Amino acid sequence: MKDKRVNRISEEVKRELSEIIQTKLKDPRIPPLTSVSYVSITRDLSFAYVGISIFGEDDQKKDAIDGLESAKGFIKMELGKRLKLRAMPEIIFELDESIEKGMELQQTIDNLRKMEHDGE
């Protein structure tokens, strides 16, 4: 029962965080192609691990995470207005590079197929 509640809250936090990042944050360090890929909240609702996917160079990614960290207080305040929770979980931003890794893997597969096709 508790896991169901945690999953529901995680999805709500993910949805609201995505909207806040896209519409409310004006920090130039945060690029427009910044997205929330996952939110994992601990069972006691004290921490929310937030996966952030950013397209760009490594220094741009670091700057974007720094921008999100500096806006953490504002983000928590906005989440508090939108979600009815007794206590807002502490947000921990994590860089999620799984989308880029998947794109690299797909490119490698495409190259191998092309080489195989050209070899025939």
N, C-alpha and C. Protein backbone atom coordinates (compact mmCIF):
# COMPACT_ATOMS: atom_id res chain seq x y z
N MET A 1 0.82 -1.19 0.00
CA MET A 1 0.00 0.00 0.00
C MET A 1 0.87 1.26 0.00
N LYS A 2 1.91 1.26 0.83
CA LYS A 2 2.77 2.43 0.93
C LYS A 2 3.54 2.65 -0.36
N ASP A 3 3.97 1.55 -1.01
CA ASP A 3 4.71 1.67 -2.27
C ASP A 3 3.85 2.32 -3.34
N LYS A 4 2.57 2.01 -3.35
CA LYS A 4 1.65 2.60 -4.32
C LYS A 4 1.59 4.12 -4.12
N ARG A 5 1.51 4.52 -2.87
CA ARG A 5 1.45 5.95 -2.55
C ARG A 5 2.76 6.64 -2.95
N VAL A 6 3.89 6.02 -2.65
CA VAL A 6 5.19 6.60 -3.01
C VAL A 6 5.30 6.74 -4.52
N ASN A 7 4.86 5.72 -5.27
CA ASN A 7 4.91 5.79 -6.73
C ASN A 7 4.01 6.90 -7.27
N ARG A 8 2.84 7.05 -6.69
CA ARG A 8 1.92 8.11 -7.12
C ARG A 8 2.52 9.48 -6.85
N ILE A 9 3.10 9.65 -5.68
CA ILE A 9 3.72 10.93 -5.33
C ILE A 9 4.91 11.20 -6.24
N SER A 10 5.70 10.16 -6.54
CA SER A 10 6.85 10.32 -7.44
C SER A 10 6.40 10.82 -8.81
N GLU A 11 5.33 10.25 -9.33
CA GLU A 11 4.81 10.68 -10.64
C GLU A 11 4.30 12.12 -10.60
N GLU A 12 3.62 12.48 -9.52
CA GLU A 12 3.13 13.86 -9.38
C GLU A 12 4.30 14.83 -9.29
N VAL A 13 5.31 14.48 -8.51
CA VAL A 13 6.49 15.35 -8.38
C VAL A 13 7.18 15.49 -9.73
N LYS A 14 7.31 14.39 -10.46
CA LYS A 14 7.94 14.44 -11.78
C LYS A 14 7.18 15.38 -12.71
N ARG A 15 5.88 15.24 -12.76
CA ARG A 15 5.06 16.08 -13.64
C ARG A 15 5.19 17.56 -13.27
N GLU A 16 5.06 17.85 -12.00
CA GLU A 16 5.12 19.25 -11.55
C GLU A 16 6.52 19.83 -11.71
N LEU A 17 7.54 19.03 -11.40
CA LEU A 17 8.92 19.50 -11.57
C LEU A 17 9.21 19.84 -13.03
N SER A 18 8.76 18.99 -13.93
CA SER A 18 8.96 19.24 -15.36
C SER A 18 8.35 20.57 -15.76
N GLU A 19 7.14 20.81 -15.29
CA GLU A 19 6.47 22.07 -15.63
C GLU A 19 7.19 23.27 -15.01
N ILE A 20 7.62 23.14 -13.77
CA ILE A 20 8.32 24.24 -13.10
C ILE A 20 9.61 24.57 -13.85
N ILE A 21 10.38 23.55 -14.21
CA ILE A 21 11.65 23.77 -14.91
C ILE A 21 11.41 24.44 -16.26
N GLN A 22 10.39 24.00 -16.97
CA GLN A 22 10.13 24.55 -18.31
C GLN A 22 9.51 25.94 -18.29
N THR A 23 8.68 26.24 -17.29
CA THR A 23 7.93 27.49 -17.35
C THR A 23 8.32 28.53 -16.31
N LYS A 24 8.84 28.12 -15.17
CA LYS A 24 9.08 29.07 -14.08
C LYS A 24 10.53 29.49 -13.91
N LEU A 25 11.47 28.62 -14.26
CA LEU A 25 12.88 28.95 -14.04
C LEU A 25 13.40 29.79 -15.20
N LYS A 26 14.07 30.87 -14.85
CA LYS A 26 14.60 31.79 -15.87
C LYS A 26 16.13 31.82 -15.88
N ASP A 27 16.75 30.87 -15.22
CA ASP A 27 18.21 30.82 -15.13
C ASP A 27 18.80 30.49 -16.50
N PRO A 28 19.69 31.34 -17.03
CA PRO A 28 20.27 31.08 -18.35
C PRO A 28 21.17 29.84 -18.40
N ARG A 29 21.58 29.33 -17.24
CA ARG A 29 22.41 28.12 -17.22
C ARG A 29 21.60 26.87 -17.53
N ILE A 30 20.29 26.95 -17.40
CA ILE A 30 19.43 25.79 -17.62
C ILE A 30 18.90 25.85 -19.05
N PRO A 31 19.39 24.95 -19.93
CA PRO A 31 18.97 25.00 -21.34
C PRO A 31 17.51 24.57 -21.52
N PRO A 32 16.90 25.00 -22.63
CA PRO A 32 15.50 24.64 -22.88
C PRO A 32 15.26 23.13 -22.99
N LEU A 33 16.26 22.38 -23.42
CA LEU A 33 16.10 20.93 -23.58
C LEU A 33 16.50 20.18 -22.31
N THR A 34 16.08 20.70 -21.18
CA THR A 34 16.31 20.05 -19.89
C THR A 34 15.03 19.33 -19.50
N SER A 35 15.14 18.05 -19.19
CA SER A 35 13.93 17.31 -18.84
C SER A 35 14.17 16.44 -17.60
N VAL A 36 13.08 16.15 -16.93
CA VAL A 36 13.11 15.27 -15.76
C VAL A 36 12.85 13.86 -16.27
N SER A 37 13.84 12.98 -16.14
CA SER A 37 13.68 11.63 -16.67
C SER A 37 13.10 10.67 -15.63
N TYR A 38 13.36 10.92 -14.36
CA TYR A 38 12.77 10.08 -13.32
C TYR A 38 12.78 10.82 -11.99
N VAL A 39 11.90 10.40 -11.12
CA VAL A 39 11.89 10.84 -9.72
C VAL A 39 11.73 9.60 -8.88
N SER A 40 12.65 9.40 -7.96
CA SER A 40 12.60 8.26 -7.06
C SER A 40 12.57 8.79 -5.63
N ILE A 41 11.46 8.57 -4.96
CA ILE A 41 11.29 9.08 -3.60
C ILE A 41 11.46 7.93 -2.62
N THR A 42 12.18 8.20 -1.54
CA THR A 42 12.38 7.18 -0.52
C THR A 42 11.05 6.86 0.16
N ARG A 43 10.95 5.68 0.75
CA ARG A 43 9.69 5.22 1.34
C ARG A 43 9.19 6.12 2.46
N ASP A 44 10.14 6.76 3.17
CA ASP A 44 9.72 7.67 4.24
C ASP A 44 9.46 9.09 3.74
N LEU A 45 9.52 9.28 2.43
CA LEU A 45 9.23 10.56 1.76
C LEU A 45 10.18 11.68 2.17
N SER A 46 11.38 11.33 2.63
CA SER A 46 12.31 12.37 3.06
C SER A 46 13.23 12.85 1.94
N PHE A 47 13.49 12.01 0.94
CA PHE A 47 14.37 12.40 -0.16
C PHE A 47 13.73 12.07 -1.50
N ALA A 48 13.95 12.96 -2.46
CA ALA A 48 13.50 12.73 -3.84
C ALA A 48 14.72 12.83 -4.74
N TYR A 49 15.10 11.70 -5.32
CA TYR A 49 16.22 11.68 -6.26
C TYR A 49 15.64 11.96 -7.64
N VAL A 50 16.12 13.04 -8.26
CA VAL A 50 15.55 13.53 -9.52
C VAL A 50 16.59 13.39 -10.62
N GLY A 51 16.29 12.56 -11.62
CA GLY A 51 17.17 12.40 -12.77
C GLY A 51 16.90 13.50 -13.78
N ILE A 52 17.95 14.22 -14.14
CA ILE A 52 17.83 15.33 -15.08
C ILE A 52 18.60 14.97 -16.34
N SER A 53 17.91 15.04 -17.47
CA SER A 53 18.51 14.77 -18.77
C SER A 53 18.73 16.10 -19.48
N ILE A 54 19.97 16.34 -19.90
CA ILE A 54 20.34 17.61 -20.53
C ILE A 54 21.13 17.30 -21.79
N PHE A 55 20.69 17.87 -22.91
CA PHE A 55 21.45 17.73 -24.14
C PHE A 55 22.44 18.87 -24.22
N GLY A 56 23.72 18.53 -24.37
CA GLY A 56 24.75 19.56 -24.45
C GLY A 56 26.09 18.99 -24.06
N GLU A 57 27.05 19.88 -23.99
CA GLU A 57 28.41 19.50 -23.60
C GLU A 57 28.47 19.30 -22.08
N ASP A 58 29.57 18.68 -21.63
CA ASP A 58 29.72 18.38 -20.21
C ASP A 58 29.67 19.63 -19.34
N ASP A 59 30.32 20.72 -19.79
CA ASP A 59 30.31 21.94 -18.99
C ASP A 59 28.91 22.56 -18.93
N GLN A 60 28.13 22.43 -20.00
CA GLN A 60 26.75 22.92 -20.00
C GLN A 60 25.90 22.11 -19.02
N LYS A 61 26.15 20.81 -18.97
CA LYS A 61 25.40 19.94 -18.05
C LYS A 61 25.70 20.31 -16.61
N LYS A 62 26.99 20.53 -16.32
CA LYS A 62 27.38 20.91 -14.96
C LYS A 62 26.75 22.25 -14.58
N ASP A 63 26.79 23.21 -15.51
CA ASP A 63 26.18 24.52 -15.25
C ASP A 63 24.68 24.39 -15.00
N ALA A 64 24.02 23.53 -15.77
CA ALA A 64 22.57 23.35 -15.61
C ALA A 64 22.25 22.75 -14.24
N ILE A 65 23.02 21.75 -13.83
CA ILE A 65 22.81 21.16 -12.50
C ILE A 65 23.06 22.21 -11.42
N ASP A 66 24.11 23.03 -11.60
CA ASP A 66 24.38 24.11 -10.64
C ASP A 66 23.21 25.09 -10.59
N GLY A 67 22.64 25.41 -11.76
CA GLY A 67 21.48 26.30 -11.81
C GLY A 67 20.29 25.72 -11.09
N LEU A 68 20.06 24.43 -11.28
CA LEU A 68 18.95 23.76 -10.58
C LEU A 68 19.19 23.74 -9.07
N GLU A 69 20.44 23.48 -8.68
CA GLU A 69 20.78 23.47 -7.25
C GLU A 69 20.52 24.85 -6.63
N SER A 70 20.89 25.91 -7.36
CA SER A 70 20.69 27.25 -6.80
C SER A 70 19.21 27.63 -6.75
N ALA A 71 18.39 27.01 -7.58
CA ALA A 71 16.95 27.29 -7.59
C ALA A 71 16.16 26.31 -6.73
N LYS A 72 16.86 25.45 -5.99
CA LYS A 72 16.20 24.39 -5.22
C LYS A 72 15.16 24.94 -4.24
N GLY A 73 15.47 26.02 -3.57
CA GLY A 73 14.52 26.61 -2.62
C GLY A 73 13.24 27.06 -3.31
N PHE A 74 13.39 27.74 -4.45
CA PHE A 74 12.23 28.18 -5.23
C PHE A 74 11.43 26.97 -5.72
N ILE A 75 12.14 25.95 -6.20
CA ILE A 75 11.47 24.75 -6.71
C ILE A 75 10.66 24.07 -5.60
N LYS A 76 11.25 23.93 -4.41
CA LYS A 76 10.53 23.32 -3.29
C LYS A 76 9.31 24.15 -2.91
N MET A 77 9.44 25.48 -2.95
CA MET A 77 8.31 26.34 -2.63
C MET A 77 7.18 26.14 -3.65
N GLU A 78 7.53 26.09 -4.94
CA GLU A 78 6.53 25.88 -5.99
C GLU A 78 5.88 24.51 -5.85
N LEU A 79 6.69 23.49 -5.58
CA LEU A 79 6.12 22.15 -5.38
C LEU A 79 5.17 22.14 -4.19
N GLY A 80 5.55 22.84 -3.13
CA GLY A 80 4.69 22.91 -1.94
C GLY A 80 3.34 23.53 -2.23
N LYS A 81 3.31 24.53 -3.13
CA LYS A 81 2.05 25.15 -3.52
C LYS A 81 1.17 24.20 -4.32
N ARG A 82 1.81 23.35 -5.13
CA ARG A 82 1.08 22.49 -6.06
C ARG A 82 0.69 21.15 -5.46
N LEU A 83 1.50 20.63 -4.55
CA LEU A 83 1.25 19.31 -3.96
C LEU A 83 0.86 19.46 -2.50
N LYS A 84 -0.06 18.67 -2.09
CA LYS A 84 -0.52 18.72 -0.70
C LYS A 84 0.17 17.62 0.10
N LEU A 85 1.40 17.92 0.53
CA LEU A 85 2.16 16.98 1.35
C LEU A 85 2.47 17.65 2.68
N ARG A 86 2.51 16.85 3.74
CA ARG A 86 2.86 17.41 5.06
C ARG A 86 4.27 17.99 5.04
N ALA A 87 5.19 17.24 4.46
CA ALA A 87 6.58 17.69 4.38
C ALA A 87 7.09 17.42 2.97
N MET A 88 7.77 18.39 2.42
CA MET A 88 8.32 18.24 1.07
C MET A 88 9.65 17.48 1.16
N PRO A 89 9.83 16.46 0.32
CA PRO A 89 11.10 15.73 0.36
C PRO A 89 12.27 16.62 -0.05
N GLU A 90 13.44 16.33 0.48
CA GLU A 90 14.66 17.02 0.08
C GLU A 90 14.99 16.57 -1.35
N ILE A 91 15.19 17.52 -2.25
CA ILE A 91 15.44 17.20 -3.66
C ILE A 91 16.93 17.03 -3.89
N ILE A 92 17.29 15.93 -4.53
CA ILE A 92 18.68 15.66 -4.90
C ILE A 92 18.71 15.47 -6.41
N PHE A 93 19.34 16.42 -7.11
CA PHE A 93 19.42 16.34 -8.56
C PHE A 93 20.58 15.44 -8.97
N GLU A 94 20.30 14.56 -9.95
CA GLU A 94 21.31 13.66 -10.49
C GLU A 94 21.29 13.79 -12.01
N LEU A 95 22.47 13.85 -12.60
CA LEU A 95 22.55 13.91 -14.05
C LEU A 95 22.26 12.53 -14.62
N ASP A 96 21.27 12.44 -15.49
CA ASP A 96 20.88 11.17 -16.11
C ASP A 96 21.34 11.18 -17.56
N GLU A 97 22.32 10.37 -17.86
CA GLU A 97 22.86 10.30 -19.22
C GLU A 97 22.37 9.07 -19.97
N SER A 98 21.34 8.41 -19.48
CA SER A 98 20.87 7.18 -20.11
C SER A 98 20.33 7.43 -21.52
N ILE A 99 19.71 8.58 -21.76
CA ILE A 99 19.19 8.87 -23.10
C ILE A 99 20.34 9.02 -24.08
N GLU A 100 21.38 9.75 -23.68
CA GLU A 100 22.55 9.91 -24.56
C GLU A 100 23.25 8.57 -24.79
N LYS A 101 23.36 7.76 -23.74
CA LYS A 101 23.99 6.44 -23.90
C LYS A 101 23.17 5.59 -24.86
N GLY A 102 21.86 5.66 -24.76
CA GLY A 102 20.99 4.92 -25.68
C GLY A 102 21.16 5.38 -27.12
N MET A 103 21.30 6.70 -27.30
CA MET A 103 21.50 7.23 -28.65
C MET A 103 22.84 6.77 -29.22
N GLU A 104 23.89 6.76 -28.37
CA GLU A 104 25.20 6.28 -28.82
C GLU A 104 25.13 4.80 -29.20
N LEU A 105 24.44 4.01 -28.40
CA LEU A 105 24.30 2.58 -28.69
C LEU A 105 23.55 2.37 -29.99
N GLN A 106 22.47 3.14 -30.21
CA GLN A 106 21.72 3.03 -31.45
C GLN A 106 22.58 3.41 -32.65
N GLN A 107 23.41 4.44 -32.50
CA GLN A 107 24.32 4.85 -33.58
C GLN A 107 25.31 3.74 -33.89
N THR A 108 25.84 3.09 -32.87
CA THR A 108 26.77 1.98 -33.06
C THR A 108 26.09 0.83 -33.80
N ILE A 109 24.88 0.50 -33.41
CA ILE A 109 24.13 -0.57 -34.08
C ILE A 109 23.88 -0.21 -35.53
N ASP A 110 23.48 1.03 -35.78
CA ASP A 110 23.24 1.48 -37.16
C ASP A 110 24.51 1.39 -37.99
N ASN A 111 25.64 1.77 -37.42
CA ASN A 111 26.92 1.69 -38.14
C ASN A 111 27.29 0.25 -38.46
N LEU A 112 27.08 -0.66 -37.50
CA LEU A 112 27.38 -2.07 -37.74
C LEU A 112 26.48 -2.65 -38.83
N ARG A 113 25.22 -2.28 -38.81
CA ARG A 113 24.30 -2.76 -39.86
C ARG A 113 24.72 -2.23 -41.22
N LYS A 114 25.14 -0.98 -41.26
CA LYS A 114 25.57 -0.39 -42.53
C LYS A 114 26.82 -1.10 -43.04
N MET A 115 27.78 -1.37 -42.12
CA MET A 115 29.00 -2.06 -42.52
C MET A 115 28.67 -3.47 -43.01
N GLU A 116 27.75 -4.15 -42.33
CA GLU A 116 27.34 -5.49 -42.73
C GLU A 116 26.67 -5.46 -44.10
N HIS A 117 25.83 -4.48 -44.31
CA HIS A 117 25.11 -4.35 -45.59
C HIS A 117 26.09 -4.00 -46.72
N ASP A 118 27.05 -3.12 -46.45
CA ASP A 118 28.03 -2.75 -47.47
C ASP A 118 28.98 -3.90 -47.79
N GLY A 119 29.20 -4.78 -46.83
CA GLY A 119 30.11 -5.91 -47.02
C GLY A 119 29.51 -7.01 -47.88
N GLU A 120 28.20 -7.04 -48.05
CA GLU A 120 27.57 -8.11 -48.82
C GLU A 120 27.66 -7.86 -50.30
